[in-house]
Protein backbone atom coordinates (compact mmCIF):
# COMPACT_ATOMS: atom_id res chain seq x y z
CA MET A 1 215.62 44.48 24.56
CA MET A 2 218.57 42.56 22.89
CA PRO A 3 218.24 39.04 21.53
CA LEU A 4 219.89 36.43 23.82
CA TRP A 5 222.35 35.35 21.13
CA LEU A 6 223.60 38.87 20.78
CA ASP A 7 223.78 39.34 24.48
CA LEU A 8 225.81 36.13 24.86
CA LEU A 9 228.02 37.22 21.89
CA ARG A 10 228.92 40.41 23.67
CA THR A 11 229.47 38.78 27.08
CA PRO A 12 233.08 37.73 27.80
CA MET A 13 233.02 34.05 28.59
CA ALA A 14 236.51 33.33 29.89
CA ALA A 15 239.67 35.12 30.91
CA PRO A 16 242.51 35.27 28.40
CA GLU A 17 244.84 32.40 28.99
CA THR A 18 248.12 33.40 30.68
CA PRO A 19 251.26 31.52 30.09
CA PHE A 20 251.00 30.01 33.52
CA LEU A 21 247.46 28.75 32.93
CA ARG A 22 248.52 27.47 29.50
CA ALA A 23 251.42 25.49 31.09
CA MET A 24 249.07 24.09 33.77
CA ARG A 25 246.52 23.08 31.19
CA HIS A 26 249.16 21.31 29.08
CA VAL A 27 250.53 19.44 32.11
CA TRP A 28 246.95 18.39 33.09
CA GLN A 29 246.33 17.13 29.52
CA GLY A 30 249.63 15.31 29.55
CA LEU A 31 248.78 13.63 32.89
CA CYS A 32 245.37 12.59 31.49
CA LEU A 33 247.00 11.17 28.39
CA GLY A 34 249.68 9.40 30.42
CA LEU A 35 247.07 7.90 32.68
CA ALA A 36 244.91 6.66 29.84
CA SER A 37 247.98 5.20 28.25
CA THR A 38 249.06 3.37 31.34
CA ILE A 39 245.48 1.95 31.78
CA LEU A 40 245.40 0.78 28.18
CA LEU A 41 248.87 -0.74 28.38
CA PHE A 42 248.31 -2.33 31.82
CA ALA A 43 248.91 -5.89 30.77
CA PRO A 44 252.37 -5.18 29.25
CA LEU A 45 253.22 -2.85 32.19
CA LYS A 46 252.26 -5.46 34.76
CA HIS A 47 254.46 -8.05 32.83
CA LEU A 48 257.37 -5.58 32.81
CA LEU A 49 256.98 -4.03 36.19
CA GLY A 50 255.04 -6.53 38.24
CA VAL A 51 253.06 -5.10 41.18
CA ARG A 52 254.72 -1.64 40.72
CA ALA A 53 252.48 -1.10 37.60
CA SER A 54 249.49 -0.75 39.96
CA PHE A 55 251.36 1.77 42.10
CA LEU A 56 252.32 3.66 38.94
CA ILE A 57 248.66 3.90 37.83
CA ALA A 58 247.51 4.84 41.33
CA GLY A 59 250.16 7.56 41.55
CA LEU A 60 249.18 8.94 38.20
CA MET A 61 245.51 8.98 39.18
CA LEU A 62 246.24 10.84 42.45
CA LEU A 63 248.57 13.27 40.67
CA THR A 64 246.06 13.90 37.83
CA ALA A 65 243.25 14.53 40.24
CA THR A 66 245.25 16.80 42.40
CA HIS A 67 246.65 18.79 39.57
CA GLY A 68 243.21 18.99 37.93
CA LEU A 69 241.61 20.27 41.11
CA ILE A 70 244.26 22.99 41.47
CA TYR A 71 244.13 23.99 37.81
CA PHE A 72 240.32 24.20 37.72
CA ARG A 73 240.24 26.30 40.91
CA VAL A 74 242.93 28.68 39.53
CA LYS A 75 241.21 28.84 36.11
CA ASN A 76 237.81 29.53 37.82
CA ARG A 77 239.27 32.35 39.89
CA ALA A 78 240.89 33.95 36.82
CA ASP A 79 237.51 33.73 35.00
CA GLN A 80 235.67 35.24 37.96
CA ASN A 81 238.18 38.10 38.24
CA TRP A 82 237.90 38.69 34.47
CA LEU A 83 234.10 38.80 34.51
CA ALA A 84 234.21 41.12 37.51
CA GLN A 85 236.50 43.48 35.69
CA ALA A 86 234.30 43.25 32.55
CA GLY A 87 231.28 44.12 34.65
CA GLU A 88 232.83 47.24 36.11
CA GLY A 89 233.39 48.76 32.65
CA GLU A 90 229.64 48.80 31.83
């Protein structure tokens, strides 16, 4: 019987990141940073844009949530395929 830490060390944890997944991750991170920035700078944005600042933040929230959902589904599918292929080799 193998120790748990050695078994976990030998187990592949995630699929290698493809250029497409890397681009999706960078876009999602950029959306998160953009959303955080607009929330932190809401007062100056409201002064500059008026009511449209609220629509900007709402749009960024929707876009970030949608892109995040798609990214995590694609990433999960890639990880599951990777683990299934790794399991076939044993």
